[in-house]
N, C-alpha and C. Protein backbone atom coordinates (compact mmCIF):
# COMPACT_ATOMS: atom_id res chain seq x y z
N MET A 1 121.30 123.62 102.44
CA MET A 1 120.76 122.80 103.50
C MET A 1 121.81 121.80 103.96
N GLY A 2 122.61 121.33 103.07
CA GLY A 2 123.68 120.44 103.50
C GLY A 2 123.72 119.14 102.73
N HIS A 3 124.84 118.49 102.90
CA HIS A 3 125.12 117.25 102.21
C HIS A 3 125.31 116.16 103.26
N LEU A 4 124.75 115.00 103.02
CA LEU A 4 124.91 113.89 103.95
C LEU A 4 126.20 113.14 103.64
N ALA A 5 127.08 113.14 104.58
CA ALA A 5 128.34 112.42 104.40
C ALA A 5 128.30 111.17 105.28
N HIS A 6 127.40 110.27 104.97
CA HIS A 6 127.27 109.04 105.75
C HIS A 6 127.04 107.89 104.78
N ARG A 7 127.15 106.72 105.31
CA ARG A 7 126.88 105.56 104.45
C ARG A 7 125.45 105.66 103.97
N ALA A 8 125.21 105.15 102.79
CA ALA A 8 123.85 105.16 102.26
C ALA A 8 122.96 104.32 103.18
N MET A 9 121.77 104.85 103.42
CA MET A 9 120.83 104.11 104.26
C MET A 9 120.39 102.87 103.49
N ARG A 10 120.39 101.76 104.18
CA ARG A 10 119.94 100.52 103.53
C ARG A 10 118.49 100.67 103.13
N LYS A 11 118.14 100.04 102.02
CA LYS A 11 116.77 100.11 101.49
C LYS A 11 115.77 99.60 102.51
N ASP A 12 116.10 98.52 103.21
CA ASP A 12 115.15 97.99 104.19
C ASP A 12 114.94 98.95 105.35
N GLU A 13 115.98 99.71 105.74
CA GLU A 13 115.82 100.72 106.79
C GLU A 13 114.90 101.85 106.32
N ALA A 14 115.15 102.33 105.10
CA ALA A 14 114.33 103.41 104.54
C ALA A 14 112.88 102.95 104.36
N ASP A 15 112.70 101.74 103.85
CA ASP A 15 111.34 101.20 103.66
C ASP A 15 110.61 101.08 104.99
N SER A 16 111.33 100.68 106.02
CA SER A 16 110.73 100.53 107.34
C SER A 16 110.26 101.88 107.88
N ILE A 17 111.08 102.91 107.70
CA ILE A 17 110.70 104.26 108.14
C ILE A 17 109.48 104.73 107.35
N ALA A 18 109.50 104.51 106.03
CA ALA A 18 108.38 104.94 105.18
C ALA A 18 107.09 104.22 105.58
N ARG A 19 107.18 102.92 105.85
CA ARG A 19 105.97 102.16 106.26
C ARG A 19 105.43 102.67 107.58
N GLU A 20 106.33 102.93 108.52
CA GLU A 20 105.88 103.42 109.83
C GLU A 20 105.23 104.79 109.70
N TRP A 21 105.78 105.63 108.83
CA TRP A 21 105.19 106.96 108.63
C TRP A 21 103.84 106.83 107.92
N CYS A 22 103.71 105.87 107.01
CA CYS A 22 102.42 105.62 106.34
C CYS A 22 101.33 105.33 107.37
N VAL A 23 101.66 104.54 108.36
CA VAL A 23 100.69 104.21 109.41
C VAL A 23 100.24 105.49 110.11
N GLU A 24 101.17 106.38 110.36
CA GLU A 24 100.82 107.66 110.99
C GLU A 24 99.94 108.50 110.07
N LEU A 25 100.24 108.49 108.79
CA LEU A 25 99.43 109.27 107.84
C LEU A 25 98.02 108.72 107.73
N TYR A 26 97.88 107.40 107.74
CA TYR A 26 96.55 106.79 107.68
C TYR A 26 95.75 107.08 108.94
N ALA A 27 96.42 107.31 110.05
CA ALA A 27 95.76 107.50 111.34
C ALA A 27 95.48 108.96 111.65
N THR A 28 95.45 109.81 110.65
CA THR A 28 95.22 111.22 110.89
C THR A 28 93.79 111.47 111.32
N PRO A 29 93.53 112.60 111.98
CA PRO A 29 92.15 112.93 112.35
C PRO A 29 91.28 112.99 111.10
N ASP A 30 90.03 112.67 111.26
CA ASP A 30 89.08 112.67 110.15
C ASP A 30 89.56 111.71 109.06
N SER A 31 90.14 110.59 109.50
CA SER A 31 90.74 109.66 108.55
C SER A 31 89.72 108.90 107.72
N LYS A 32 88.44 109.18 107.92
CA LYS A 32 87.46 108.53 107.06
C LYS A 32 87.69 108.90 105.59
N VAL A 33 88.39 110.02 105.36
CA VAL A 33 88.78 110.38 104.00
C VAL A 33 89.67 109.28 103.41
N PHE A 34 90.43 108.59 104.28
CA PHE A 34 91.37 107.58 103.85
C PHE A 34 90.83 106.17 103.98
N GLU A 35 89.54 106.01 104.30
CA GLU A 35 89.00 104.67 104.51
C GLU A 35 89.07 103.83 103.25
N GLY A 36 89.08 102.54 103.45
CA GLY A 36 89.09 101.63 102.32
C GLY A 36 90.29 100.73 102.37
N ASP A 37 90.50 100.06 101.28
CA ASP A 37 91.63 99.16 101.15
C ASP A 37 92.91 99.99 101.23
N VAL A 38 93.81 99.64 102.12
CA VAL A 38 95.04 100.41 102.27
C VAL A 38 96.15 99.86 101.39
N SER A 39 95.79 99.08 100.38
CA SER A 39 96.81 98.67 99.42
C SER A 39 97.26 99.92 98.68
N ASP A 40 98.45 99.89 98.20
CA ASP A 40 98.97 101.09 97.56
C ASP A 40 98.95 100.98 96.04
N THR A 41 97.98 100.25 95.51
CA THR A 41 97.85 100.19 94.06
C THR A 41 97.11 101.43 93.59
N ARG A 42 97.63 102.02 92.57
CA ARG A 42 97.17 103.34 92.12
C ARG A 42 95.67 103.41 91.84
N PHE A 43 95.10 102.38 91.22
CA PHE A 43 93.72 102.49 90.78
C PHE A 43 92.72 101.89 91.76
N SER A 44 93.13 100.93 92.58
CA SER A 44 92.18 100.37 93.54
C SER A 44 91.98 101.31 94.72
N ASN A 45 93.00 102.08 95.07
CA ASN A 45 92.88 103.04 96.15
C ASN A 45 93.88 104.17 95.92
N PRO A 46 93.48 105.19 95.15
CA PRO A 46 94.42 106.27 94.83
C PRO A 46 94.91 107.04 96.05
N VAL A 47 94.08 107.14 97.08
CA VAL A 47 94.50 107.85 98.29
C VAL A 47 95.66 107.11 98.95
N ALA A 48 95.50 105.81 99.14
CA ALA A 48 96.57 105.01 99.73
C ALA A 48 97.81 105.04 98.85
N TYR A 49 97.62 105.03 97.55
CA TYR A 49 98.75 105.10 96.63
C TYR A 49 99.54 106.38 96.84
N HIS A 50 98.84 107.52 96.92
CA HIS A 50 99.53 108.80 97.09
C HIS A 50 100.23 108.88 98.44
N ILE A 51 99.60 108.34 99.47
CA ILE A 51 100.23 108.34 100.78
C ILE A 51 101.51 107.50 100.76
N ALA A 52 101.41 106.31 100.20
CA ALA A 52 102.58 105.42 100.13
C ALA A 52 103.68 106.04 99.27
N GLN A 53 103.30 106.64 98.14
CA GLN A 53 104.29 107.26 97.25
C GLN A 53 104.98 108.43 97.94
N THR A 54 104.20 109.26 98.61
CA THR A 54 104.78 110.40 99.30
C THR A 54 105.72 109.95 100.41
N SER A 55 105.32 108.94 101.17
CA SER A 55 106.19 108.49 102.26
C SER A 55 107.51 107.96 101.71
N GLN A 56 107.47 107.23 100.60
CA GLN A 56 108.70 106.73 99.99
C GLN A 56 109.56 107.89 99.47
N ASP A 57 108.92 108.85 98.79
CA ASP A 57 109.64 109.99 98.23
C ASP A 57 110.29 110.84 99.32
N VAL A 58 109.54 111.09 100.40
CA VAL A 58 110.06 111.94 101.47
C VAL A 58 111.23 111.26 102.18
N VAL A 59 111.10 109.98 102.48
CA VAL A 59 112.20 109.28 103.14
C VAL A 59 113.42 109.24 102.22
N GLY A 60 113.20 109.04 100.92
CA GLY A 60 114.30 109.10 99.97
C GLY A 60 114.97 110.46 99.97
N TYR A 61 114.17 111.51 100.03
CA TYR A 61 114.69 112.88 100.08
C TYR A 61 115.48 113.12 101.36
N LEU A 62 114.96 112.65 102.49
CA LEU A 62 115.63 112.88 103.77
C LEU A 62 117.05 112.32 103.78
N PHE A 63 117.23 111.17 103.15
CA PHE A 63 118.52 110.48 103.21
C PHE A 63 119.28 110.53 101.90
N SER A 64 118.88 111.44 101.01
CA SER A 64 119.56 111.58 99.73
C SER A 64 120.98 112.12 99.96
N ASN A 65 121.92 111.63 99.18
CA ASN A 65 123.29 112.12 99.27
C ASN A 65 123.55 113.29 98.33
N GLU A 66 122.51 113.77 97.65
CA GLU A 66 122.65 114.95 96.79
C GLU A 66 122.95 116.16 97.67
N ARG A 67 123.61 117.14 97.07
CA ARG A 67 123.99 118.32 97.85
C ARG A 67 122.77 119.08 98.37
N ASP A 68 121.92 119.52 97.52
CA ASP A 68 120.71 120.24 97.94
C ASP A 68 119.51 119.72 97.16
N PRO A 69 119.00 118.56 97.55
CA PRO A 69 117.87 117.99 96.80
C PRO A 69 116.60 118.82 97.00
N GLU A 70 115.71 118.74 96.03
CA GLU A 70 114.43 119.43 96.11
C GLU A 70 113.45 118.60 96.94
N VAL A 71 112.59 119.29 97.67
CA VAL A 71 111.51 118.61 98.40
C VAL A 71 110.64 117.92 97.35
N PRO A 72 110.30 116.66 97.56
CA PRO A 72 109.52 115.93 96.55
C PRO A 72 108.17 116.59 96.25
N GLU A 73 107.81 116.62 94.97
CA GLU A 73 106.53 117.20 94.57
C GLU A 73 105.35 116.40 95.09
N SER A 74 105.59 115.15 95.44
CA SER A 74 104.48 114.33 95.95
C SER A 74 103.96 114.86 97.28
N VAL A 75 104.73 115.72 97.94
CA VAL A 75 104.24 116.36 99.17
C VAL A 75 102.99 117.19 98.85
N ASP A 76 102.96 117.78 97.65
CA ASP A 76 101.78 118.55 97.23
C ASP A 76 100.55 117.64 97.14
N ASP A 77 100.75 116.43 96.60
CA ASP A 77 99.62 115.49 96.49
C ASP A 77 99.09 115.14 97.87
N LEU A 78 100.00 114.91 98.81
CA LEU A 78 99.60 114.60 100.18
C LEU A 78 98.82 115.78 100.77
N CYS A 79 99.28 116.98 100.50
CA CYS A 79 98.61 118.17 101.05
C CYS A 79 97.22 118.36 100.48
N ARG A 80 97.02 117.97 99.22
CA ARG A 80 95.67 118.02 98.65
C ARG A 80 94.73 117.12 99.45
N LEU A 81 95.23 115.95 99.81
CA LEU A 81 94.42 115.01 100.60
C LEU A 81 94.16 115.55 102.00
N ILE A 82 95.20 116.07 102.63
CA ILE A 82 95.07 116.59 103.99
C ILE A 82 94.12 117.79 104.01
N ALA A 83 94.17 118.61 102.96
CA ALA A 83 93.32 119.81 102.91
C ALA A 83 91.84 119.47 102.85
N LEU A 84 91.51 118.27 102.38
CA LEU A 84 90.11 117.86 102.30
C LEU A 84 89.52 117.53 103.67
N GLN A 85 90.38 117.29 104.63
CA GLN A 85 89.92 116.93 105.96
C GLN A 85 89.45 118.16 106.71
N GLU A 86 88.60 117.94 107.67
CA GLU A 86 88.11 119.03 108.50
C GLU A 86 88.92 119.12 109.80
N ALA A 87 90.19 118.78 109.73
CA ALA A 87 91.06 118.80 110.90
C ALA A 87 91.71 120.18 111.06
N ARG A 88 92.06 120.50 112.29
CA ARG A 88 92.83 121.72 112.53
C ARG A 88 94.22 121.55 111.92
N PRO A 89 94.88 122.63 111.53
CA PRO A 89 96.22 122.51 110.95
C PRO A 89 97.20 121.76 111.86
N SER A 90 97.09 121.96 113.17
CA SER A 90 98.00 121.26 114.08
C SER A 90 97.81 119.75 113.99
N GLU A 91 96.58 119.31 113.77
CA GLU A 91 96.33 117.89 113.59
C GLU A 91 96.78 117.42 112.21
N ALA A 92 96.57 118.26 111.22
CA ALA A 92 96.93 117.89 109.85
C ALA A 92 98.44 117.69 109.69
N PHE A 93 99.22 118.46 110.41
CA PHE A 93 100.67 118.39 110.26
C PHE A 93 101.37 117.56 111.33
N ALA A 94 100.61 116.99 112.22
CA ALA A 94 101.22 116.18 113.29
C ALA A 94 102.05 115.04 112.73
N SER A 95 101.65 114.51 111.58
CA SER A 95 102.38 113.37 111.01
C SER A 95 103.82 113.76 110.64
N PHE A 96 104.06 115.01 110.29
CA PHE A 96 105.43 115.42 109.97
C PHE A 96 106.29 115.43 111.22
N PHE A 97 105.70 115.79 112.35
CA PHE A 97 106.45 115.76 113.60
C PHE A 97 106.69 114.32 114.04
N LYS A 98 105.72 113.46 113.74
CA LYS A 98 105.90 112.04 114.05
C LYS A 98 106.99 111.44 113.17
N LEU A 99 107.11 111.93 111.93
CA LEU A 99 108.19 111.47 111.07
C LEU A 99 109.54 111.77 111.72
N ARG A 100 109.65 112.95 112.28
CA ARG A 100 110.89 113.32 112.97
C ARG A 100 111.17 112.34 114.11
N SER A 101 110.15 112.02 114.88
CA SER A 101 110.31 111.08 115.99
C SER A 101 110.71 109.70 115.49
N ILE A 102 110.09 109.26 114.40
CA ILE A 102 110.42 107.95 113.83
C ILE A 102 111.88 107.91 113.42
N VAL A 103 112.32 108.92 112.69
CA VAL A 103 113.71 108.95 112.21
C VAL A 103 114.68 109.02 113.38
N PHE A 104 114.41 109.88 114.33
CA PHE A 104 115.34 110.04 115.44
C PHE A 104 115.37 108.82 116.35
N SER A 105 114.24 108.12 116.45
CA SER A 105 114.24 106.91 117.29
C SER A 105 115.11 105.82 116.67
N ARG A 106 115.31 105.87 115.37
CA ARG A 106 116.14 104.87 114.69
C ARG A 106 117.56 105.34 114.48
N ALA A 107 117.86 106.57 114.86
CA ALA A 107 119.18 107.13 114.59
C ALA A 107 120.29 106.33 115.24
N GLY A 108 120.10 105.94 116.47
CA GLY A 108 121.14 105.18 117.17
C GLY A 108 121.37 103.81 116.56
N LYS A 109 120.29 103.17 116.14
CA LYS A 109 120.40 101.83 115.57
C LYS A 109 121.14 101.84 114.23
N SER A 110 120.94 102.91 113.46
CA SER A 110 121.55 102.94 112.13
C SER A 110 122.88 103.67 112.11
N GLY A 111 123.34 104.17 113.24
CA GLY A 111 124.66 104.78 113.32
C GLY A 111 124.75 106.17 112.71
N MET A 112 123.68 106.94 112.71
CA MET A 112 123.74 108.30 112.17
C MET A 112 124.48 109.20 113.14
N ASP A 113 125.36 110.03 112.61
CA ASP A 113 126.08 110.97 113.45
C ASP A 113 125.28 112.27 113.60
N ALA A 114 125.78 113.17 114.44
CA ALA A 114 125.06 114.41 114.74
C ALA A 114 124.89 115.29 113.51
N LYS A 115 125.90 115.35 112.64
CA LYS A 115 125.80 116.17 111.43
C LYS A 115 124.71 115.64 110.51
N THR A 116 124.65 114.33 110.35
CA THR A 116 123.63 113.71 109.52
C THR A 116 122.25 114.00 110.08
N LEU A 117 122.10 113.84 111.39
CA LEU A 117 120.81 114.12 112.03
C LEU A 117 120.40 115.58 111.84
N SER A 118 121.37 116.48 111.89
CA SER A 118 121.08 117.90 111.69
C SER A 118 120.57 118.15 110.28
N VAL A 119 121.21 117.54 109.28
CA VAL A 119 120.78 117.71 107.89
C VAL A 119 119.39 117.10 107.70
N VAL A 120 119.17 115.92 108.24
CA VAL A 120 117.86 115.27 108.13
C VAL A 120 116.79 116.12 108.81
N ASN A 121 117.11 116.66 109.97
CA ASN A 121 116.18 117.54 110.68
C ASN A 121 115.82 118.75 109.83
N ASP A 122 116.82 119.37 109.20
CA ASP A 122 116.57 120.52 108.33
C ASP A 122 115.69 120.13 107.14
N ARG A 123 115.89 118.93 106.61
CA ARG A 123 115.09 118.47 105.48
C ARG A 123 113.65 118.19 105.90
N ILE A 124 113.47 117.68 107.10
CA ILE A 124 112.09 117.49 107.60
C ILE A 124 111.41 118.84 107.72
N ASP A 125 112.15 119.83 108.23
CA ASP A 125 111.60 121.19 108.32
C ASP A 125 111.23 121.73 106.94
N ALA A 126 112.07 121.49 105.93
CA ALA A 126 111.79 121.95 104.57
C ALA A 126 110.52 121.28 104.04
N CYS A 127 110.36 119.99 104.31
CA CYS A 127 109.13 119.28 103.90
C CYS A 127 107.91 119.89 104.59
N LEU A 128 108.05 120.13 105.87
CA LEU A 128 106.94 120.68 106.65
C LEU A 128 106.56 122.07 106.14
N LEU A 129 107.54 122.90 105.85
CA LEU A 129 107.25 124.24 105.35
C LEU A 129 106.56 124.19 103.99
N ARG A 130 107.05 123.33 103.12
CA ARG A 130 106.38 123.19 101.81
C ARG A 130 104.96 122.67 102.01
N ALA A 131 104.80 121.71 102.89
CA ALA A 131 103.47 121.16 103.16
C ALA A 131 102.53 122.24 103.68
N MET A 132 103.02 123.10 104.56
CA MET A 132 102.17 124.17 105.09
C MET A 132 101.76 125.14 103.99
N ASP A 133 102.70 125.50 103.12
CA ASP A 133 102.37 126.39 102.01
C ASP A 133 101.31 125.77 101.11
N CYS A 134 101.51 124.51 100.76
CA CYS A 134 100.56 123.82 99.87
C CYS A 134 99.20 123.67 100.54
N TYR A 135 99.21 123.25 101.79
CA TYR A 135 97.97 123.06 102.53
C TYR A 135 97.17 124.36 102.56
N THR A 136 97.85 125.46 102.86
CA THR A 136 97.18 126.76 102.94
C THR A 136 96.61 127.14 101.58
N ARG A 137 97.37 126.94 100.52
CA ARG A 137 96.89 127.25 99.18
C ARG A 137 95.66 126.41 98.82
N PHE A 138 95.69 125.12 99.13
CA PHE A 138 94.56 124.25 98.79
C PHE A 138 93.35 124.55 99.66
N ARG A 139 93.55 124.87 100.94
CA ARG A 139 92.42 125.24 101.80
C ARG A 139 91.77 126.53 101.31
N GLU A 140 92.59 127.48 100.86
CA GLU A 140 92.04 128.72 100.31
C GLU A 140 91.20 128.43 99.07
N GLN A 141 91.67 127.52 98.21
CA GLN A 141 90.91 127.15 97.02
C GLN A 141 89.57 126.51 97.40
N ILE A 142 89.61 125.63 98.39
CA ILE A 142 88.37 124.98 98.85
C ILE A 142 87.40 126.01 99.40
N MET A 143 87.90 126.94 100.21
CA MET A 143 87.03 127.98 100.78
C MET A 143 86.47 128.87 99.68
N GLN A 144 87.28 129.18 98.67
CA GLN A 144 86.79 130.02 97.57
C GLN A 144 85.69 129.29 96.80
N LEU A 145 85.86 128.00 96.60
CA LEU A 145 84.81 127.21 95.93
C LEU A 145 83.51 127.25 96.73
N ARG A 146 83.63 127.15 98.05
CA ARG A 146 82.43 127.20 98.91
C ARG A 146 81.76 128.56 98.83
N ILE A 147 82.56 129.62 98.84
CA ILE A 147 82.01 130.98 98.75
C ILE A 147 81.32 131.17 97.41
N ASP A 148 81.98 130.72 96.34
CA ASP A 148 81.39 130.86 95.00
C ASP A 148 80.07 130.10 94.91
N GLU A 149 80.02 128.91 95.51
CA GLU A 149 78.78 128.13 95.50
C GLU A 149 77.67 128.84 96.27
N LEU A 150 78.01 129.44 97.40
CA LEU A 150 77.01 130.21 98.15
C LEU A 150 76.50 131.40 97.34
N LYS A 151 77.41 132.06 96.64
CA LYS A 151 76.99 133.19 95.81
C LYS A 151 76.06 132.73 94.70
N ARG A 152 76.38 131.61 94.05
CA ARG A 152 75.52 131.07 92.99
C ARG A 152 74.16 130.69 93.56
N SER A 153 74.17 130.05 94.71
CA SER A 153 72.91 129.64 95.34
C SER A 153 72.07 130.86 95.69
N ARG A 154 72.70 131.88 96.24
CA ARG A 154 71.98 133.09 96.61
C ARG A 154 71.43 133.79 95.37
N GLY A 155 72.25 133.84 94.32
CA GLY A 155 71.80 134.47 93.07
C GLY A 155 70.61 133.75 92.48
N ALA A 156 70.64 132.42 92.50
CA ALA A 156 69.53 131.63 91.98
C ALA A 156 68.28 131.87 92.83
N PHE A 157 68.45 131.91 94.14
CA PHE A 157 67.31 132.16 95.03
C PHE A 157 66.72 133.54 94.78
N GLU A 158 67.59 134.56 94.68
CA GLU A 158 67.11 135.92 94.45
C GLU A 158 66.40 136.03 93.11
N GLY A 159 66.90 135.31 92.11
CA GLY A 159 66.24 135.32 90.79
C GLY A 159 64.83 134.76 90.87
N ARG A 160 64.69 133.62 91.57
CA ARG A 160 63.35 133.03 91.73
C ARG A 160 62.45 133.94 92.57
N TYR A 161 63.03 134.55 93.59
CA TYR A 161 62.26 135.45 94.46
C TYR A 161 61.76 136.66 93.67
N ASN A 162 62.64 137.26 92.88
CA ASN A 162 62.24 138.43 92.09
C ASN A 162 61.22 138.05 91.01
N ALA A 163 61.38 136.89 90.40
CA ALA A 163 60.40 136.45 89.40
C ALA A 163 59.04 136.24 90.04
N ALA A 164 59.03 135.68 91.24
CA ALA A 164 57.77 135.46 91.96
C ALA A 164 57.14 136.80 92.33
N ARG A 165 57.93 137.76 92.71
CA ARG A 165 57.40 139.09 93.06
C ARG A 165 56.78 139.75 91.86
N VAL A 166 57.42 139.60 90.70
CA VAL A 166 56.89 140.20 89.47
C VAL A 166 55.54 139.54 89.12
N GLN A 167 55.45 138.23 89.24
CA GLN A 167 54.21 137.53 88.93
C GLN A 167 53.08 137.95 89.86
N VAL A 168 53.42 138.16 91.12
CA VAL A 168 52.40 138.53 92.10
C VAL A 168 52.05 140.01 91.93
N GLY A 169 52.95 140.78 91.39
CA GLY A 169 52.70 142.20 91.18
C GLY A 169 53.19 143.04 92.33
N ALA A 170 54.13 142.55 93.07
CA ALA A 170 54.64 143.29 94.21
C ALA A 170 55.58 144.38 93.83
């Protein structure tokens, strides 16, 4: 994917990008899943904590000077949250495209060159692809749980129906 050959991004710049992306993540469709105190303390609001952690991890990944860093695993945690929403996939992943806009809007201010922007762009794509894979896997699990519950409900209903038929003598 490439190596960033640029000055290290200042912590305040990275934190600012992560905070702005957090706002986008909180504002997703069906955001009632994220309602509550938006403090990022793990136990008072675990959803906000995971969103804040993922935004910090992803921004750190985007600007890492490692040769080929791995997409942060916290993206999976974010996808679990997004999968719980009843939003269309295009709405669920809009925040990743907004991340690209946030980063590129600050590119001129922070002096990023074209090569750096290309690497960052590729890393955003890698995050998005991992997020899509995770989201799809978690949505499939949710749908399977719903199907299994319907089967159990139907089986219980049929059992009661057949028992009632036997009692009536049908």
